[in-house]
Amino acid sequence: MRKMLMCAAVAASLAGFSHASKAFDANSGAFVSGTAGQSKYHGSGFDDNSDTGAAIYVGYRWSPEQRFWIGPELGFVDLGKVSQHENFNYPGGLYDNYRYRAKSRATLLGVNMKWDLGEQMYLVVHGGVDEARTTFTLDEDTNIFDDPYHESSHVSKNSWYAGATLGYNFNRNFGLGVSYDNYNVRTASTGSENRANASVIGVTAEVRF
């Protein structure tokens, strides 16, 4: 009798686990999201510190409970470029002008969490580590020297990123929202390494599979 009760309990437990696993799998799935908007470098030391930024993410989310999903994501972001000009004019029509530019891109690895807020609205919060690479260029335009100066260098940094999206579900497989993301990068300016945060305010579209 005791063995029969134990077998029944095990069978019931396995049945419950199987049912939960099926429900868990039904609410899980891959996603691809893309963001486009205005990027802005904070603390970069450049005069023109805004450009167009774009990012793409791929990932997979599981649903441990109703209206909540969590999983890993892998992404890439192009934060656009910042620039600064310095112009020097001399007697006799001579000039010597400099243009500094920095452009940052980063690969991303993090955690993505999504909450359904009612029937149509949703909130996504994500963050993780980034590997940012900044290309720095210095160009000289002058009629003083025969060969204008040009220099290019690269600075890499491992740091963090984080952001959030408030969106609207058009259906189960597609949502569109407004997002804010912040990336910690490093810019090179006149030979020194400067820390900077680059933010992107934009529109994010998400496709779910």
C-alpha atoms as a PDB file:
ATOM      1  CA  MET A   1       0.000   0.000   0.000  1.00  0.00           C
ATOM      2  CA  ARG A   2       2.794   2.346   0.921  1.00  0.00           C
ATOM      3  CA  LYS A   3       4.574   1.571  -2.372  1.00  0.00           C
ATOM      4  CA  MET A   4       1.372   2.253  -4.296  1.00  0.00           C
ATOM      5  CA  LEU A   5       0.963   5.618  -2.579  1.00  0.00           C
ATOM      6  CA  MET A   6       4.583   6.510  -3.281  1.00  0.00           C
ATOM      7  CA  CYS A   7       4.207   5.566  -6.950  1.00  0.00           C
ATOM      8  CA  ALA A   8       1.030   7.630  -7.183  1.00  0.00           C
ATOM      9  CA  ALA A   9       2.754  10.630  -5.592  1.00  0.00           C
ATOM     10  CA  VAL A  10       5.726  10.358  -7.963  1.00  0.00           C
ATOM     11  CA  ALA A  11       3.411  10.022 -10.949  1.00  0.00           C
ATOM     12  CA  ALA A  12       1.429  13.067  -9.876  1.00  0.00           C
ATOM     13  CA  SER A  13       4.624  15.051  -9.394  1.00  0.00           C
ATOM     14  CA  LEU A  14       5.938  14.072 -12.827  1.00  0.00           C
ATOM     15  CA  ALA A  15       2.636  14.964 -14.419  1.00  0.00           C
ATOM     16  CA  GLY A  16       2.637  18.347 -12.740  1.00  0.00           C
ATOM     17  CA  PHE A  17       6.253  18.977 -13.771  1.00  0.00           C
ATOM     18  CA  SER A  18       5.472  17.978 -17.354  1.00  0.00           C
ATOM     19  CA  HIS A  19       2.481  20.308 -17.474  1.00  0.00           C
ATOM     20  CA  ALA A  20       4.516  23.189 -16.043  1.00  0.00           C
ATOM     21  CA  SER A  21       7.333  22.534 -18.508  1.00  0.00           C
ATOM     22  CA  LYS A  22       4.932  22.627 -21.440  1.00  0.00           C
ATOM     23  CA  ALA A  23       3.422  25.895 -20.227  1.00  0.00           C
ATOM     24  CA  PHE A  24       6.908  27.258 -19.610  1.00  0.00           C
ATOM     25  CA  ASP A  25       8.022  26.345 -23.143  1.00  0.00           C
ATOM     26  CA  ALA A  26       4.844  27.758 -24.686  1.00  0.00           C
ATOM     27  CA  ASN A  27       5.578  31.171 -23.255  1.00  0.00           C
ATOM     28  CA  SER A  28       9.290  31.141 -24.176  1.00  0.00           C
ATOM     29  CA  GLY A  29      10.914  32.214 -27.406  1.00  0.00           C
ATOM     30  CA  ALA A  30      13.573  34.069 -29.310  1.00  0.00           C
ATOM     31  CA  PHE A  31      13.426  37.761 -30.163  1.00  0.00           C
ATOM     32  CA  VAL A  32      15.154  40.317 -32.354  1.00  0.00           C
ATOM     33  CA  SER A  33      14.977  44.030 -31.567  1.00  0.00           C
ATOM     34  CA  GLY A  34      16.357  47.101 -33.287  1.00  0.00           C
ATOM     35  CA  THR A  35      16.755  50.677 -32.048  1.00  0.00           C
ATOM     36  CA  ALA A  36      17.355  53.896 -33.978  1.00  0.00           C
ATOM     37  CA  GLY A  37      17.540  57.404 -32.545  1.00  0.00           C
ATOM     38  CA  GLN A  38      19.716  60.258 -31.393  1.00  0.00           C
ATOM     39  CA  SER A  39      22.988  59.490 -29.661  1.00  0.00           C
ATOM     40  CA  LYS A  40      24.707  61.921 -27.343  1.00  0.00           C
ATOM     41  CA  TYR A  41      28.157  61.685 -25.746  1.00  0.00           C
ATOM     42  CA  HIS A  42      28.304  63.013 -22.188  1.00  0.00           C
ATOM     43  CA  GLY A  43      31.658  64.198 -20.850  1.00  0.00           C
ATOM     44  CA  SER A  44      33.480  63.555 -24.114  1.00  0.00           C
ATOM     45  CA  GLY A  45      35.200  66.956 -24.352  1.00  0.00           C
ATOM     46  CA  PHE A  46      33.914  67.509 -27.906  1.00  0.00           C
ATOM     47  CA  ASP A  47      31.854  70.481 -29.072  1.00  0.00           C
ATOM     48  CA  ASP A  48      29.603  68.546 -31.483  1.00  0.00           C
ATOM     49  CA  ASN A  49      28.572  65.608 -29.306  1.00  0.00           C
ATOM     50  CA  SER A  50      25.322  64.387 -30.950  1.00  0.00           C
ATOM     51  CA  ASP A  51      24.747  62.046 -33.870  1.00  0.00           C
ATOM     52  CA  THR A  52      22.528  59.167 -34.999  1.00  0.00           C
ATOM     53  CA  GLY A  53      22.801  55.910 -33.056  1.00  0.00           C
ATOM     54  CA  ALA A  54      21.511  52.440 -33.897  1.00  0.00           C
ATOM     55  CA  ALA A  55      21.546  49.063 -32.153  1.00  0.00           C
ATOM     56  CA  ILE A  56      20.409  45.511 -32.812  1.00  0.00           C
ATOM     57  CA  TYR A  57      19.836  42.732 -30.260  1.00  0.00           C
ATOM     58  CA  VAL A  58      19.065  39.023 -30.495  1.00  0.00           C
ATOM     59  CA  GLY A  59      18.133  36.881 -27.542  1.00  0.00           C
ATOM     60  CA  TYR A  60      15.940  34.274 -25.936  1.00  0.00           C
ATOM     61  CA  ARG A  61      13.535  34.742 -23.032  1.00  0.00           C
ATOM     62  CA  TRP A  62      11.861  32.272 -20.691  1.00  0.00           C
ATOM     63  CA  SER A  63       8.702  32.948 -18.698  1.00  0.00           C
ATOM     64  CA  PRO A  64       9.081  31.717 -15.102  1.00  0.00           C
ATOM     65  CA  GLU A  65       5.782  33.356 -14.205  1.00  0.00           C
ATOM     66  CA  GLN A  66       2.838  35.010 -15.908  1.00  0.00           C
ATOM     67  CA  ARG A  67       3.566  38.347 -17.612  1.00  0.00           C
ATOM     68  CA  PHE A  68       7.319  38.150 -16.961  1.00  0.00           C
ATOM     69  CA  TRP A  69      10.147  36.948 -19.213  1.00  0.00           C
ATOM     70  CA  ILE A  70      13.919  36.818 -18.696  1.00  0.00           C
ATOM     71  CA  GLY A  71      16.879  35.621 -20.733  1.00  0.00           C
ATOM     72  CA  PRO A  72      20.248  36.416 -22.332  1.00  0.00           C
ATOM     73  CA  GLU A  73      20.848  38.851 -25.173  1.00  0.00           C
ATOM     74  CA  LEU A  74      23.680  39.588 -27.601  1.00  0.00           C
ATOM     75  CA  GLY A  75      23.892  42.926 -29.389  1.00  0.00           C
ATOM     76  CA  PHE A  76      25.815  45.484 -31.371  1.00  0.00           C
ATOM     77  CA  VAL A  77      25.533  49.273 -31.212  1.00  0.00           C
ATOM     78  CA  ASP A  78      26.871  52.068 -33.411  1.00  0.00           C
ATOM     79  CA  LEU A  79      26.904  55.267 -31.368  1.00  0.00           C
ATOM     80  CA  GLY A  80      27.778  57.621 -34.209  1.00  0.00           C
ATOM     81  CA  LYS A  81      30.572  60.158 -34.042  1.00  0.00           C
ATOM     82  CA  VAL A  82      31.524  63.324 -32.205  1.00  0.00           C
ATOM     83  CA  SER A  83      33.762  66.055 -33.558  1.00  0.00           C
ATOM     84  CA  GLN A  84      35.533  69.272 -32.729  1.00  0.00           C
ATOM     85  CA  HIS A  85      37.079  71.977 -34.950  1.00  0.00           C
ATOM     86  CA  GLU A  86      39.929  74.330 -34.248  1.00  0.00           C
ATOM     87  CA  ASN A  87      40.716  77.032 -36.818  1.00  0.00           C
ATOM     88  CA  PHE A  88      43.801  79.261 -36.883  1.00  0.00           C
ATOM     89  CA  ASN A  89      44.182  82.162 -39.310  1.00  0.00           C
ATOM     90  CA  TYR A  90      47.432  84.066 -39.864  1.00  0.00           C
ATOM     91  CA  PRO A  91      48.521  87.171 -41.802  1.00  0.00           C
ATOM     92  CA  GLY A  92      49.014  86.743 -45.512  1.00  0.00           C
ATOM     93  CA  GLY A  93      46.006  84.481 -45.955  1.00  0.00           C
ATOM     94  CA  LEU A  94      47.630  81.543 -44.191  1.00  0.00           C
ATOM     95  CA  TYR A  95      45.473  79.116 -42.230  1.00  0.00           C
ATOM     96  CA  ASP A  96      45.866  75.945 -40.210  1.00  0.00           C
ATOM     97  CA  ASN A  97      42.643  74.101 -39.321  1.00  0.00           C
ATOM     98  CA  TYR A  98      42.191  70.926 -37.297  1.00  0.00           C
ATOM     99  CA  ARG A  99      39.288  68.528 -37.079  1.00  0.00           C
ATOM    100  CA  TYR A 100      39.080  65.912 -34.304  1.00  0.00           C
ATOM    101  CA  ARG A 101      36.597  63.024 -34.580  1.00  0.00           C
ATOM    102  CA  ALA A 102      35.746  60.018 -32.437  1.00  0.00           C
ATOM    103  CA  LYS A 103      33.406  57.188 -33.411  1.00  0.00           C
ATOM    104  CA  SER A 104      32.363  54.433 -30.990  1.00  0.00           C
ATOM    105  CA  ARG A 105      30.922  50.989 -31.607  1.00  0.00           C
ATOM    106  CA  ALA A 106      30.388  48.179 -29.114  1.00  0.00           C
ATOM    107  CA  THR A 107      29.435  44.530 -28.882  1.00  0.00           C
ATOM    108  CA  LEU A 108      27.065  43.713 -26.025  1.00  0.00           C
ATOM    109  CA  LEU A 109      26.273  40.728 -23.813  1.00  0.00           C
ATOM    110  CA  GLY A 110      23.632  41.006 -21.143  1.00  0.00           C
ATOM    111  CA  VAL A 111      20.320  40.062 -19.561  1.00  0.00           C
ATOM    112  CA  ASN A 112      16.927  41.035 -20.975  1.00  0.00           C
ATOM    113  CA  MET A 113      13.770  41.219 -18.833  1.00  0.00           C
ATOM    114  CA  LYS A 114      10.260  41.915 -20.097  1.00  0.00           C
ATOM    115  CA  TRP A 115       7.024  42.626 -18.226  1.00  0.00           C
ATOM    116  CA  ASP A 116       3.557  42.833 -19.733  1.00  0.00           C
ATOM    117  CA  LEU A 117       1.717  45.865 -18.339  1.00  0.00           C
ATOM    118  CA  GLY A 118      -1.909  45.074 -18.969  1.00  0.00           C
ATOM    119  CA  GLU A 119      -3.120  43.812 -22.313  1.00  0.00           C
ATOM    120  CA  GLN A 120      -1.109  45.978 -24.722  1.00  0.00           C
ATOM    121  CA  MET A 121       1.726  47.783 -22.923  1.00  0.00           C
ATOM    122  CA  TYR A 122       5.056  46.227 -21.966  1.00  0.00           C
ATOM    123  CA  LEU A 123       8.323  47.201 -20.285  1.00  0.00           C
ATOM    124  CA  VAL A 124      11.768  45.874 -21.200  1.00  0.00           C
ATOM    125  CA  VAL A 125      14.801  46.426 -18.959  1.00  0.00           C
ATOM    126  CA  HIS A 126      18.195  45.163 -20.037  1.00  0.00           C
ATOM    127  CA  GLY A 127      21.864  45.550 -19.188  1.00  0.00           C
ATOM    128  CA  GLY A 128      25.229  43.863 -19.152  1.00  0.00           C
ATOM    129  CA  VAL A 129      28.807  44.234 -20.326  1.00  0.00           C
ATOM    130  CA  ASP A 130      30.050  45.934 -23.475  1.00  0.00           C
ATOM    131  CA  GLU A 131      33.283  45.850 -25.407  1.00  0.00           C
ATOM    132  CA  ALA A 132      33.562  49.333 -26.911  1.00  0.00           C
ATOM    133  CA  ARG A 133      36.014  50.319 -29.620  1.00  0.00           C
ATOM    134  CA  THR A 134      36.512  53.997 -30.396  1.00  0.00           C
ATOM    135  CA  THR A 135      38.251  55.178 -33.563  1.00  0.00           C
ATOM    136  CA  PHE A 136      39.908  58.562 -33.214  1.00  0.00           C
ATOM    137  CA  THR A 137      41.045  60.661 -36.186  1.00  0.00           C
ATOM    138  CA  LEU A 138      42.825  63.984 -36.472  1.00  0.00           C
ATOM    139  CA  ASP A 139      42.853  65.805 -39.823  1.00  0.00           C
ATOM    140  CA  GLU A 140      44.692  68.999 -40.667  1.00  0.00           C
ATOM    141  CA  ASP A 141      43.714  71.397 -43.444  1.00  0.00           C
ATOM    142  CA  THR A 142      46.431  73.966 -44.069  1.00  0.00           C
ATOM    143  CA  ASN A 143      48.216  75.985 -46.736  1.00  0.00           C
ATOM    144  CA  ILE A 144      51.309  76.437 -44.571  1.00  0.00           C
ATOM    145  CA  PHE A 145      52.744  72.944 -45.071  1.00  0.00           C
ATOM    146  CA  ASP A 146      52.924  70.823 -48.202  1.00  0.00           C
ATOM    147  CA  ASP A 147      51.628  67.659 -46.522  1.00  0.00           C
ATOM    148  CA  PRO A 148      48.629  68.137 -44.181  1.00  0.00           C
ATOM    149  CA  TYR A 149      48.753  65.983 -41.065  1.00  0.00           C
ATOM    150  CA  HIS A 150      46.515  62.931 -40.560  1.00  0.00           C
ATOM    151  CA  GLU A 151      46.440  60.579 -37.597  1.00  0.00           C
ATOM    152  CA  SER A 152      44.203  57.633 -36.730  1.00  0.00           C
ATOM    153  CA  SER A 153      44.170  55.521 -33.571  1.00  0.00           C
ATOM    154  CA  HIS A 154      41.930  53.125 -31.655  1.00  0.00           C
ATOM    155  CA  VAL A 155      40.976  52.825 -28.004  1.00  0.00           C
ATOM    156  CA  SER A 156      39.188  49.759 -26.578  1.00  0.00           C
ATOM    157  CA  LYS A 157      37.387  49.402 -23.275  1.00  0.00           C
ATOM    158  CA  ASN A 158      35.318  46.785 -21.473  1.00  0.00           C
ATOM    159  CA  SER A 159      32.555  48.281 -19.383  1.00  0.00           C
ATOM    160  CA  TRP A 160      28.753  48.230 -18.980  1.00  0.00           C
ATOM    161  CA  TYR A 161      25.477  49.223 -20.621  1.00  0.00           C
ATOM    162  CA  ALA A 162      21.878  49.504 -19.433  1.00  0.00           C
ATOM    163  CA  GLY A 163      18.548  50.693 -20.760  1.00  0.00           C
ATOM    164  CA  ALA A 164      14.766  50.408 -20.838  1.00  0.00           C
ATOM    165  CA  THR A 165      11.917  50.404 -23.365  1.00  0.00           C
ATOM    166  CA  LEU A 166       8.261  51.233 -22.803  1.00  0.00           C
ATOM    167  CA  GLY A 167       6.322  49.725 -25.669  1.00  0.00           C
ATOM    168  CA  TYR A 168       2.995  48.760 -27.194  1.00  0.00           C
ATOM    169  CA  ASN A 169       2.130  45.214 -28.320  1.00  0.00           C
ATOM    170  CA  PHE A 170       0.450  45.268 -31.719  1.00  0.00           C
ATOM    171  CA  ASN A 171       0.179  41.494 -31.484  1.00  0.00           C
ATOM    172  CA  ARG A 172       1.926  38.575 -29.800  1.00  0.00           C
ATOM    173  CA  ASN A 173       4.890  38.755 -32.176  1.00  0.00           C
ATOM    174  CA  PHE A 174       5.505  42.473 -32.634  1.00  0.00           C
ATOM    175  CA  GLY A 175       5.904  45.489 -30.382  1.00  0.00           C
ATOM    176  CA  LEU A 176       7.053  49.077 -30.821  1.00  0.00           C
ATOM    177  CA  GLY A 177       8.274  51.402 -28.079  1.00  0.00           C
ATOM    178  CA  VAL A 178      10.314  54.375 -26.914  1.00  0.00           C
ATOM    179  CA  SER A 179      13.688  53.545 -25.418  1.00  0.00           C
ATOM    180  CA  TYR A 180      16.593  55.025 -23.496  1.00  0.00           C
ATOM    181  CA  ASP A 181      19.969  53.272 -23.377  1.00  0.00           C
ATOM    182  CA  ASN A 182      23.276  54.279 -21.850  1.00  0.00           C
ATOM    183  CA  TYR A 183      26.696  52.910 -22.815  1.00  0.00           C
ATOM    184  CA  ASN A 184      29.978  53.482 -21.015  1.00  0.00           C
ATOM    185  CA  VAL A 185      32.714  54.088 -23.609  1.00  0.00           C
ATOM    186  CA  ARG A 186      36.084  55.779 -23.896  1.00  0.00           C
ATOM    187  CA  THR A 187      36.956  58.541 -26.341  1.00  0.00           C
ATOM    188  CA  ALA A 188      40.390  59.779 -27.346  1.00  0.00           C
ATOM    189  CA  SER A 189      40.876  63.540 -27.449  1.00  0.00           C
ATOM    190  CA  THR A 190      44.132  65.304 -28.268  1.00  0.00           C
ATOM    191  CA  GLY A 191      46.194  62.354 -27.178  1.00  0.00           C
ATOM    192  CA  SER A 192      44.455  61.631 -23.850  1.00  0.00           C
ATOM    193  CA  GLU A 193      41.959  58.913 -22.964  1.00  0.00           C
ATOM    194  CA  ASN A 194      38.661  60.303 -21.714  1.00  0.00           C
ATOM    195  CA  ARG A 195      35.794  58.385 -20.177  1.00  0.00           C
ATOM    196  CA  ALA A 196      32.348  59.161 -21.532  1.00  0.00           C
ATOM    197  CA  ASN A 197      28.792  57.899 -21.376  1.00  0.00           C
ATOM    198  CA  ALA A 198      26.911  57.760 -24.643  1.00  0.00           C
ATOM    199  CA  SER A 199      23.121  57.664 -24.506  1.00  0.00           C
ATOM    200  CA  VAL A 200      20.638  56.803 -27.240  1.00  0.00           C
ATOM    201  CA  ILE A 201      17.035  57.999 -27.123  1.00  0.00           C
ATOM    202  CA  GLY A 202      15.058  56.362 -29.872  1.00  0.00           C
ATOM    203  CA  VAL A 203      12.377  54.018 -31.161  1.00  0.00           C
ATOM    204  CA  THR A 204      12.733  50.275 -30.640  1.00  0.00           C
ATOM    205  CA  ALA A 205      10.934  47.608 -32.648  1.00  0.00           C
ATOM    206  CA  GLU A 206      10.833  44.041 -31.315  1.00  0.00           C
ATOM    207  CA  VAL A 207       9.964  40.888 -33.253  1.00  0.00           C
ATOM    208  CA  ARG A 208       9.225  37.728 -31.229  1.00  0.00           C
ATOM    209  CA  PHE A 209       9.293  34.153 -32.459  1.00  0.00           C
END
